[in-house]
Amino acid sequence: MTKEKQVHKEFICKNCIGERYLKKLVEREGEMEKCRCCENEAPCISLEDLATQVAEAFDRHFDRTSDQPDFDECVMINDYGWKRRGVPVIYAILEALDVDEDVASAVQQILEEKHSDY
């Protein structure tokens, strides 16, 4: 099994998720598994399902910024340069889930695989 596919089969427990809604969801509906973070057996959600939750939340609550400057930004690009507006995806995931960076990175990897055409 490749490393990418292995990540999809890993789990994170309710205790390693800081975001209250997801923590409660995992507590109610999670399955007893070994957590990839704390290695304890507890109610868990798969990273695949966690990534799905993140994608749904991003669709509802975030707007994707343009990867190109608009007209006004093009006019000022020589004087000031250009930087894409918004927050990098990894930081949005970290903040939304309140998890450690390793988990956020794994979720980002899954989302990139699922949405690489977007």
Protein backbone atom coordinates (compact mmCIF):
# COMPACT_ATOMS: atom_id res chain seq x y z
CA MET A 1 0.00 0.00 0.00
CA THR A 2 1.39 3.41 -0.96
CA LYS A 3 1.96 6.04 1.68
CA GLU A 4 -0.82 8.19 0.21
CA LYS A 5 -3.38 5.37 0.42
CA GLN A 6 -2.18 4.45 3.92
CA VAL A 7 -3.00 7.97 5.16
CA HIS A 8 -6.61 7.48 4.02
CA LYS A 9 -6.90 4.48 6.38
CA GLU A 10 -5.62 6.30 9.47
CA PHE A 11 -7.81 7.69 12.23
CA ILE A 12 -7.84 10.63 14.63
CA CYS A 13 -9.66 10.52 17.95
CA LYS A 14 -12.03 13.03 19.52
CA ASN A 15 -9.35 14.01 22.04
CA CYS A 16 -6.96 15.15 19.31
CA ILE A 17 -9.54 17.39 17.59
CA GLY A 18 -9.98 20.79 19.18
CA GLU A 19 -12.95 22.00 17.13
CA ARG A 20 -16.05 21.47 19.29
CA TYR A 21 -18.58 20.43 16.64
CA LEU A 22 -16.32 17.74 15.16
CA LYS A 23 -15.21 16.59 18.60
CA LYS A 24 -18.86 16.00 19.57
CA LEU A 25 -19.61 14.35 16.23
CA VAL A 26 -16.71 11.92 16.65
CA GLU A 27 -17.72 11.28 20.26
CA ARG A 28 -21.28 10.36 19.13
CA GLU A 29 -20.59 8.59 15.86
CA GLY A 30 -16.93 7.61 15.91
CA GLU A 31 -15.68 4.06 15.86
CA MET A 32 -13.19 2.68 18.34
CA GLU A 33 -9.83 2.79 16.57
CA LYS A 34 -6.22 3.60 17.34
CA CYS A 35 -5.52 7.31 16.93
CA ARG A 36 -2.59 8.27 14.71
CA CYS A 37 -1.69 11.17 17.05
CA CYS A 38 -1.96 9.93 20.61
CA GLU A 39 -2.02 6.20 19.75
CA ASN A 40 -4.88 5.64 22.21
CA GLU A 41 -7.91 3.53 21.43
CA ALA A 42 -10.86 5.93 21.41
CA PRO A 43 -13.82 7.04 19.29
CA CYS A 44 -12.20 8.12 16.01
CA ILE A 45 -12.91 9.51 12.56
CA SER A 46 -10.91 8.45 9.53
CA LEU A 47 -8.71 11.09 7.95
CA GLU A 48 -10.67 10.48 4.74
CA ASP A 49 -13.95 11.39 6.50
CA LEU A 50 -12.28 14.31 8.26
CA ALA A 51 -11.12 15.64 4.88
CA THR A 52 -14.69 15.33 3.59
CA GLN A 53 -15.93 17.37 6.57
CA VAL A 54 -13.29 20.03 5.85
CA ALA A 55 -14.20 20.17 2.14
CA GLU A 56 -17.88 20.64 3.00
CA ALA A 57 -17.09 23.38 5.53
CA PHE A 58 -14.80 25.15 3.07
CA ASP A 59 -17.52 25.04 0.40
CA ARG A 60 -19.98 26.66 2.81
CA HIS A 61 -17.77 29.18 4.60
CA PHE A 62 -14.77 30.08 2.41
CA ASP A 63 -14.26 31.71 -0.96
CA ARG A 64 -11.40 30.69 -3.19
CA THR A 65 -9.23 33.66 -4.11
CA SER A 66 -7.97 34.23 -7.62
CA ASP A 67 -4.55 32.90 -8.47
CA GLN A 68 -4.07 35.88 -10.82
CA PRO A 69 -3.96 39.60 -10.04
CA ASP A 70 -6.99 41.69 -11.01
CA PHE A 71 -6.68 44.80 -13.22
CA ASP A 72 -5.91 47.22 -10.37
CA GLU A 73 -3.29 44.85 -8.95
CA CYS A 74 -1.68 44.50 -12.40
CA VAL A 75 -1.32 48.28 -12.59
CA MET A 76 0.51 48.35 -9.24
CA ILE A 77 2.46 45.10 -9.65
CA ASN A 78 5.68 46.81 -10.80
CA ASP A 79 5.75 49.10 -7.77
CA TYR A 80 4.50 46.78 -5.06
CA GLY A 81 4.64 43.23 -6.38
CA TRP A 82 1.70 40.87 -6.03
CA LYS A 83 0.73 38.40 -3.37
CA ARG A 84 -2.35 36.24 -3.54
CA ARG A 85 -4.97 37.31 -0.99
CA GLY A 86 -6.28 34.95 1.66
CA VAL A 87 -4.89 32.30 3.95
CA PRO A 88 -2.84 29.33 2.76
CA VAL A 89 -4.90 26.12 2.85
CA ILE A 90 -2.77 24.46 5.56
CA TYR A 91 -3.42 27.36 7.94
CA ALA A 92 -7.14 27.36 7.18
CA ILE A 93 -7.26 23.64 8.01
CA LEU A 94 -5.22 24.11 11.19
CA GLU A 95 -7.51 26.87 12.38
CA ALA A 96 -10.76 25.18 11.33
CA LEU A 97 -10.00 21.83 13.00
CA ASP A 98 -7.71 22.91 15.82
CA VAL A 99 -5.45 19.89 15.24
CA ASP A 100 -1.70 19.44 15.07
CA GLU A 101 0.16 20.28 11.88
CA ASP A 102 0.74 16.63 10.98
CA VAL A 103 -3.01 15.95 10.86
CA ALA A 104 -3.69 19.18 8.95
CA SER A 105 -1.02 18.21 6.43
CA ALA A 106 -2.54 14.74 5.97
CA VAL A 107 -5.99 16.29 5.45
CA GLN A 108 -4.53 18.74 2.93
CA GLN A 109 -2.87 15.85 1.08
CA ILE A 110 -6.19 13.98 0.83
CA LEU A 111 -7.97 17.12 -0.36
CA GLU A 112 -5.29 17.74 -2.99
CA GLU A 113 -5.72 14.20 -4.30
CA LYS A 114 -9.50 14.51 -4.44
CA HIS A 115 -9.59 18.01 -5.92
CA SER A 116 -6.42 18.16 -8.00
CA ASP A 117 -8.44 19.09 -11.08
CA TYR A 118 -9.84 22.12 -9.23
